[in-house]
Structure formats: structure tokens, C-alpha cells
Amino acid sequence: MIPAPGEAASIGFPPVARADARVLVCGSLPGQTSLAMRQYYAQPRNAFWKITGELLGFDPALDYAARCAALAARRVALWDVCAAAVRPGSLDARIRRDSVVPNDFAAFLREHRGIARLCFNGSAAYEMFERLVLPTLPATLQALPRIRLPSTSPEHAGMRHADKLARWREALDFGD
């Protein structure tokens, strides 16, 4: 990936995961607020922490480390499809597709063998994974169920919170 003059690549974060994770939630690439704060979903209007807090039983107002620990304790891992990419601003539609360097999902999934489901926070993450990552995975990993969820981004305001919550509940429910 070579950014054009005046462009800079955004570099993603390491995964939030314990060895016993059973679901991986994938975003696309941290937005500007998240990059500045070095936190997944730091944009205050993004509903990710509100939704996961409600579904997994933790207070979304906890500090970042405590929220990450709460996700991990419920065996939910968090990572982005992009390790790096050029994106002016924070909108997924502005990610320069030819600049995307995907994360190494094959290695991650080999190290986290308990992951039984991949969930994608929005269409951009799902589509980049399908195009750039899925073809590189061995057949056993390609067979993992993949669920495209409605984005928690404030830009995805066309769906009511209750409807987003219901879709996320279904995806994160392991019947325990």
C-alpha cells in the first residue's frame, strides 16, 4: 500500500481477545476519534458499547479497559478487518479499497480455535472480509458462520436502536 501524496494510512489496533473467545466481532477500521483515543468505538455517538453492554450485562460507561475486559469475559473478541488503509475522515465509504492491508485472520483463528462465529459490524467490514480475507483462509475456516450485522455507527441511522439491538442479540446469543 502506497498512499498518494498528502494521504496517510490509518493503522488499526490489536485484537481484544482471550484464548477462549467463541465469537469475533469485526469492524472495518478505527475512525478518527478512535484513532486519536486509541480505543475501539470511541466516537461517543457510536452505539457499539451501548449495545454490547446491554446484551452482555456491563455498564457501557465503564472505562475502556473495563469494557474490553467485560467483552472478553463473555468470550467476545473484537478486531478490525483492516490492519491499515487510507481513509480520509471516518466514513467506511471513504476507505480506499486499493489501500487495504487486511489483518492476519488465519493466524488469529488458529490461535483462537473456539471461535464459532464471525460477526461483522456493518456492510463494509463484511464485504472487505469476503473479498480480501475469506479466499486466503483454509476451507475449515471458510466454513465458519459469518453474520453481517447492522452498523453501530451514527451514520447508520436508518434502523431503530431496538431493531439493531435485536439483530445483535441474535448474533451474540449462545444460549447460556
C-alpha atoms as a PDB file:
ATOM      1  CA  MET A   1       0.000   0.000   0.000  1.00  0.00           C
ATOM      2  CA  ILE A   2       1.441   3.317  -1.049  1.00  0.00           C
ATOM      3  CA  PRO A   3      -0.594   6.345  -0.003  1.00  0.00           C
ATOM      4  CA  ALA A   4      -0.925   9.130  -2.549  1.00  0.00           C
ATOM      5  CA  PRO A   5       0.843  12.420  -1.787  1.00  0.00           C
ATOM      6  CA  GLY A   6      -0.893  14.118   1.125  1.00  0.00           C
ATOM      7  CA  GLU A   7      -2.567  10.885   2.268  1.00  0.00           C
ATOM      8  CA  ALA A   8      -1.664   8.926   5.369  1.00  0.00           C
ATOM      9  CA  ALA A   9      -2.562   5.349   6.182  1.00  0.00           C
ATOM     10  CA  SER A  10      -4.607   4.672   9.284  1.00  0.00           C
ATOM     11  CA  ILE A  11      -3.150   1.821  11.318  1.00  0.00           C
ATOM     12  CA  GLY A  12      -5.610  -0.380  13.202  1.00  0.00           C
ATOM     13  CA  PHE A  13      -5.439  -1.805  16.691  1.00  0.00           C
ATOM     14  CA  PRO A  14      -4.503  -5.237  18.012  1.00  0.00           C
ATOM     15  CA  PRO A  15      -7.382  -7.572  18.773  1.00  0.00           C
ATOM     16  CA  VAL A  16      -9.234  -7.597  22.070  1.00  0.00           C
ATOM     17  CA  ALA A  17      -9.473 -11.317  22.770  1.00  0.00           C
ATOM     18  CA  ARG A  18      -8.948 -14.063  25.287  1.00  0.00           C
ATOM     19  CA  ALA A  19      -7.796 -17.505  24.219  1.00  0.00           C
ATOM     20  CA  ASP A  20     -11.269 -18.918  24.925  1.00  0.00           C
ATOM     21  CA  ALA A  21     -13.188 -16.474  22.693  1.00  0.00           C
ATOM     22  CA  ARG A  22     -16.130 -18.010  20.862  1.00  0.00           C
ATOM     23  CA  VAL A  23     -17.317 -15.101  18.705  1.00  0.00           C
ATOM     24  CA  LEU A  24     -15.295 -12.499  16.832  1.00  0.00           C
ATOM     25  CA  VAL A  25     -16.865  -9.120  16.101  1.00  0.00           C
ATOM     26  CA  CYS A  26     -15.130  -7.458  13.168  1.00  0.00           C
ATOM     27  CA  GLY A  27     -15.231  -3.784  12.330  1.00  0.00           C
ATOM     28  CA  SER A  28     -13.642  -2.163   9.310  1.00  0.00           C
ATOM     29  CA  LEU A  29     -11.017   0.327  10.534  1.00  0.00           C
ATOM     30  CA  PRO A  30     -10.976   2.725  13.502  1.00  0.00           C
ATOM     31  CA  GLY A  31     -12.386   6.158  12.754  1.00  0.00           C
ATOM     32  CA  GLN A  32     -10.625   9.418  13.537  1.00  0.00           C
ATOM     33  CA  THR A  33     -11.918   9.694  17.119  1.00  0.00           C
ATOM     34  CA  SER A  34     -10.983   6.081  17.855  1.00  0.00           C
ATOM     35  CA  LEU A  35      -7.523   6.551  16.362  1.00  0.00           C
ATOM     36  CA  ALA A  36      -6.958   9.698  18.414  1.00  0.00           C
ATOM     37  CA  MET A  37      -8.073   7.977  21.628  1.00  0.00           C
ATOM     38  CA  ARG A  38      -6.513   4.567  20.752  1.00  0.00           C
ATOM     39  CA  GLN A  39      -9.828   2.844  21.566  1.00  0.00           C
ATOM     40  CA  TYR A  40     -12.246   0.775  19.556  1.00  0.00           C
ATOM     41  CA  TYR A  41     -15.557   2.613  19.031  1.00  0.00           C
ATOM     42  CA  ALA A  42     -14.528   5.803  20.845  1.00  0.00           C
ATOM     43  CA  GLN A  43     -16.912   8.014  18.816  1.00  0.00           C
ATOM     44  CA  PRO A  44     -19.496   8.907  21.517  1.00  0.00           C
ATOM     45  CA  ARG A  45     -22.466   8.521  19.156  1.00  0.00           C
ATOM     46  CA  ASN A  46     -21.420   5.027  18.040  1.00  0.00           C
ATOM     47  CA  ALA A  47     -23.798   2.532  19.684  1.00  0.00           C
ATOM     48  CA  PHE A  48     -21.327  -0.376  19.903  1.00  0.00           C
ATOM     49  CA  TRP A  49     -20.636  -0.126  23.639  1.00  0.00           C
ATOM     50  CA  LYS A  50     -24.269   0.671  24.431  1.00  0.00           C
ATOM     51  CA  ILE A  51     -25.494  -2.385  22.502  1.00  0.00           C
ATOM     52  CA  THR A  52     -22.843  -4.810  23.758  1.00  0.00           C
ATOM     53  CA  GLY A  53     -23.197  -3.507  27.302  1.00  0.00           C
ATOM     54  CA  GLU A  54     -26.936  -4.078  27.245  1.00  0.00           C
ATOM     55  CA  LEU A  55     -26.616  -7.542  25.711  1.00  0.00           C
ATOM     56  CA  LEU A  56     -23.654  -8.768  27.732  1.00  0.00           C
ATOM     57  CA  GLY A  57     -24.549  -7.202  31.061  1.00  0.00           C
ATOM     58  CA  PHE A  58     -21.959  -4.488  31.640  1.00  0.00           C
ATOM     59  CA  ASP A  59     -22.178  -0.740  32.051  1.00  0.00           C
ATOM     60  CA  PRO A  60     -21.160   0.984  28.794  1.00  0.00           C
ATOM     61  CA  ALA A  61     -19.963   3.936  30.897  1.00  0.00           C
ATOM     62  CA  LEU A  62     -17.122   1.849  32.360  1.00  0.00           C
ATOM     63  CA  ASP A  63     -13.640   2.924  31.400  1.00  0.00           C
ATOM     64  CA  TYR A  64     -12.273   1.470  28.168  1.00  0.00           C
ATOM     65  CA  ALA A  65     -10.128  -1.243  29.788  1.00  0.00           C
ATOM     66  CA  ALA A  66     -13.089  -2.451  31.857  1.00  0.00           C
ATOM     67  CA  ARG A  67     -15.370  -2.561  28.795  1.00  0.00           C
ATOM     68  CA  CYS A  68     -12.780  -4.591  26.888  1.00  0.00           C
ATOM     69  CA  ALA A  69     -12.397  -6.931  29.870  1.00  0.00           C
ATOM     70  CA  ALA A  70     -16.182  -7.339  30.050  1.00  0.00           C
ATOM     71  CA  LEU A  71     -16.317  -8.311  26.363  1.00  0.00           C
ATOM     72  CA  ALA A  72     -13.500 -10.787  26.817  1.00  0.00           C
ATOM     73  CA  ALA A  73     -15.105 -12.259  29.945  1.00  0.00           C
ATOM     74  CA  ARG A  74     -18.198 -13.025  27.854  1.00  0.00           C
ATOM     75  CA  ARG A  75     -15.884 -14.679  25.293  1.00  0.00           C
ATOM     76  CA  VAL A  76     -16.420 -11.999  22.653  1.00  0.00           C
ATOM     77  CA  ALA A  77     -13.335 -10.946  20.698  1.00  0.00           C
ATOM     78  CA  LEU A  78     -13.022  -7.675  18.799  1.00  0.00           C
ATOM     79  CA  TRP A  79     -10.838  -6.852  15.800  1.00  0.00           C
ATOM     80  CA  ASP A  80     -10.962  -4.976  12.517  1.00  0.00           C
ATOM     81  CA  VAL A  81     -10.695  -6.385   9.021  1.00  0.00           C
ATOM     82  CA  CYS A  82      -8.130  -3.728   8.089  1.00  0.00           C
ATOM     83  CA  ALA A  83      -4.695  -3.699   9.626  1.00  0.00           C
ATOM     84  CA  ALA A  84      -4.134  -0.484   7.680  1.00  0.00           C
ATOM     85  CA  ALA A  85      -5.783   1.558   4.951  1.00  0.00           C
ATOM     86  CA  VAL A  86      -6.071   5.063   3.593  1.00  0.00           C
ATOM     87  CA  ARG A  87      -9.298   6.755   4.636  1.00  0.00           C
ATOM     88  CA  PRO A  88      -9.843  10.495   4.686  1.00  0.00           C
ATOM     89  CA  GLY A  89     -12.188  11.033   7.624  1.00  0.00           C
ATOM     90  CA  SER A  90     -14.124   8.293   9.368  1.00  0.00           C
ATOM     91  CA  LEU A  91     -16.711   7.026   6.882  1.00  0.00           C
ATOM     92  CA  ASP A  92     -16.259   3.446   5.696  1.00  0.00           C
ATOM     93  CA  ALA A  93     -17.289   4.534   2.203  1.00  0.00           C
ATOM     94  CA  ARG A  94     -14.125   6.665   2.085  1.00  0.00           C
ATOM     95  CA  ILE A  95     -11.745   3.727   2.668  1.00  0.00           C
ATOM     96  CA  ARG A  96      -9.593   3.495  -0.422  1.00  0.00           C
ATOM     97  CA  ARG A  97     -10.160  -0.147  -1.300  1.00  0.00           C
ATOM     98  CA  ASP A  98      -6.838  -0.469  -3.153  1.00  0.00           C
ATOM     99  CA  SER A  99      -5.026   0.603   0.024  1.00  0.00           C
ATOM    100  CA  VAL A 100      -6.448  -2.023   2.386  1.00  0.00           C
ATOM    101  CA  VAL A 101      -3.989  -4.313   4.150  1.00  0.00           C
ATOM    102  CA  PRO A 102      -6.087  -6.962   5.925  1.00  0.00           C
ATOM    103  CA  ASN A 103      -5.286  -8.389   9.322  1.00  0.00           C
ATOM    104  CA  ASP A 104      -3.966 -11.964   9.525  1.00  0.00           C
ATOM    105  CA  PHE A 105      -7.188 -13.796  10.300  1.00  0.00           C
ATOM    106  CA  ALA A 106      -5.754 -17.220   9.505  1.00  0.00           C
ATOM    107  CA  ALA A 107      -3.218 -16.881  12.320  1.00  0.00           C
ATOM    108  CA  PHE A 108      -5.761 -15.331  14.692  1.00  0.00           C
ATOM    109  CA  LEU A 109      -8.309 -18.093  14.103  1.00  0.00           C
ATOM    110  CA  ARG A 110      -5.649 -20.803  14.502  1.00  0.00           C
ATOM    111  CA  GLU A 111      -4.788 -19.281  17.899  1.00  0.00           C
ATOM    112  CA  HIS A 112      -8.455 -18.912  18.892  1.00  0.00           C
ATOM    113  CA  ARG A 113      -9.885 -22.285  17.895  1.00  0.00           C
ATOM    114  CA  GLY A 114     -13.014 -21.799  19.998  1.00  0.00           C
ATOM    115  CA  ILE A 115     -14.359 -19.084  17.723  1.00  0.00           C
ATOM    116  CA  ALA A 116     -17.545 -20.490  16.257  1.00  0.00           C
ATOM    117  CA  ARG A 117     -18.977 -17.377  14.609  1.00  0.00           C
ATOM    118  CA  LEU A 118     -17.756 -14.236  12.878  1.00  0.00           C
ATOM    119  CA  CYS A 119     -19.936 -11.137  13.195  1.00  0.00           C
ATOM    120  CA  PHE A 120     -19.404  -8.016  11.127  1.00  0.00           C
ATOM    121  CA  ASN A 121     -20.290  -4.552  12.355  1.00  0.00           C
ATOM    122  CA  GLY A 122     -21.702  -3.253   9.082  1.00  0.00           C
ATOM    123  CA  SER A 123     -21.520  -3.993   5.394  1.00  0.00           C
ATOM    124  CA  ALA A 124     -18.067  -2.530   4.735  1.00  0.00           C
ATOM    125  CA  ALA A 125     -16.370  -4.887   7.191  1.00  0.00           C
ATOM    126  CA  TYR A 126     -18.314  -7.861   5.821  1.00  0.00           C
ATOM    127  CA  GLU A 127     -17.595  -7.054   2.180  1.00  0.00           C
ATOM    128  CA  MET A 128     -13.870  -6.412   2.731  1.00  0.00           C
ATOM    129  CA  PHE A 129     -13.577  -9.686   4.647  1.00  0.00           C
ATOM    130  CA  GLU A 130     -15.377 -11.618   1.908  1.00  0.00           C
ATOM    131  CA  ARG A 131     -13.218 -10.097  -0.811  1.00  0.00           C
ATOM    132  CA  LEU A 132      -9.788  -9.897   0.829  1.00  0.00           C
ATOM    133  CA  VAL A 133      -9.669 -12.392   3.686  1.00  0.00           C
ATOM    134  CA  LEU A 134     -12.042 -15.279   3.000  1.00  0.00           C
ATOM    135  CA  PRO A 135     -10.222 -16.523  -0.152  1.00  0.00           C
ATOM    136  CA  THR A 136      -6.960 -16.726   1.836  1.00  0.00           C
ATOM    137  CA  LEU A 137      -8.384 -18.944   4.586  1.00  0.00           C
ATOM    138  CA  PRO A 138      -8.255 -22.730   4.631  1.00  0.00           C
ATOM    139  CA  ALA A 139     -11.577 -24.453   3.882  1.00  0.00           C
ATOM    140  CA  THR A 140     -12.193 -25.300   7.545  1.00  0.00           C
ATOM    141  CA  LEU A 141     -12.047 -21.608   8.464  1.00  0.00           C
ATOM    142  CA  GLN A 142     -14.039 -20.540   5.407  1.00  0.00           C
ATOM    143  CA  ALA A 143     -16.871 -22.676   6.790  1.00  0.00           C
ATOM    144  CA  LEU A 144     -17.267 -20.577   9.954  1.00  0.00           C
ATOM    145  CA  PRO A 145     -20.676 -18.890  10.065  1.00  0.00           C
ATOM    146  CA  ARG A 146     -20.467 -15.216   9.098  1.00  0.00           C
ATOM    147  CA  ILE A 147     -23.162 -12.741  10.125  1.00  0.00           C
ATOM    148  CA  ARG A 148     -23.466  -9.233   8.689  1.00  0.00           C
ATOM    149  CA  LEU A 149     -24.925  -7.015  11.415  1.00  0.00           C
ATOM    150  CA  PRO A 150     -26.331  -3.513  11.155  1.00  0.00           C
ATOM    151  CA  SER A 151     -23.608  -0.976  11.776  1.00  0.00           C
ATOM    152  CA  THR A 152     -23.475   0.682  15.169  1.00  0.00           C
ATOM    153  CA  SER A 153     -22.129   3.823  13.502  1.00  0.00           C
ATOM    154  CA  PRO A 154     -24.099   7.039  13.911  1.00  0.00           C
ATOM    155  CA  GLU A 155     -24.054   7.215  10.096  1.00  0.00           C
ATOM    156  CA  HIS A 156     -26.330   4.146  10.000  1.00  0.00           C
ATOM    157  CA  ALA A 157     -29.349   5.932  11.419  1.00  0.00           C
ATOM    158  CA  GLY A 158     -31.887   4.282   9.112  1.00  0.00           C
ATOM    159  CA  MET A 159     -32.590   1.496  11.605  1.00  0.00           C
ATOM    160  CA  ARG A 160     -34.161   1.945  15.010  1.00  0.00           C
ATOM    161  CA  HIS A 161     -31.979   1.114  18.014  1.00  0.00           C
ATOM    162  CA  ALA A 162     -34.412  -1.612  19.106  1.00  0.00           C
ATOM    163  CA  ASP A 163     -34.092  -3.316  15.720  1.00  0.00           C
ATOM    164  CA  LYS A 164     -30.287  -3.127  15.792  1.00  0.00           C
ATOM    165  CA  LEU A 165     -30.337  -4.494  19.320  1.00  0.00           C
ATOM    166  CA  ALA A 166     -32.499  -7.453  18.280  1.00  0.00           C
ATOM    167  CA  ARG A 167     -30.152  -8.373  15.407  1.00  0.00           C
ATOM    168  CA  TRP A 168     -27.081  -8.082  17.628  1.00  0.00           C
ATOM    169  CA  ARG A 169     -28.793 -10.117  20.384  1.00  0.00           C
ATOM    170  CA  GLU A 170     -29.432 -12.951  17.961  1.00  0.00           C
ATOM    171  CA  ALA A 171     -25.813 -12.937  16.755  1.00  0.00           C
ATOM    172  CA  LEU A 172     -24.237 -12.839  20.227  1.00  0.00           C
ATOM    173  CA  ASP A 173     -26.629 -15.356  21.833  1.00  0.00           C
ATOM    174  CA  PHE A 174     -25.018 -18.687  22.591  1.00  0.00           C
ATOM    175  CA  GLY A 175     -27.904 -19.923  24.699  1.00  0.00           C
ATOM    176  CA  ASP A 176     -26.109 -19.698  28.034  1.00  0.00           C
END
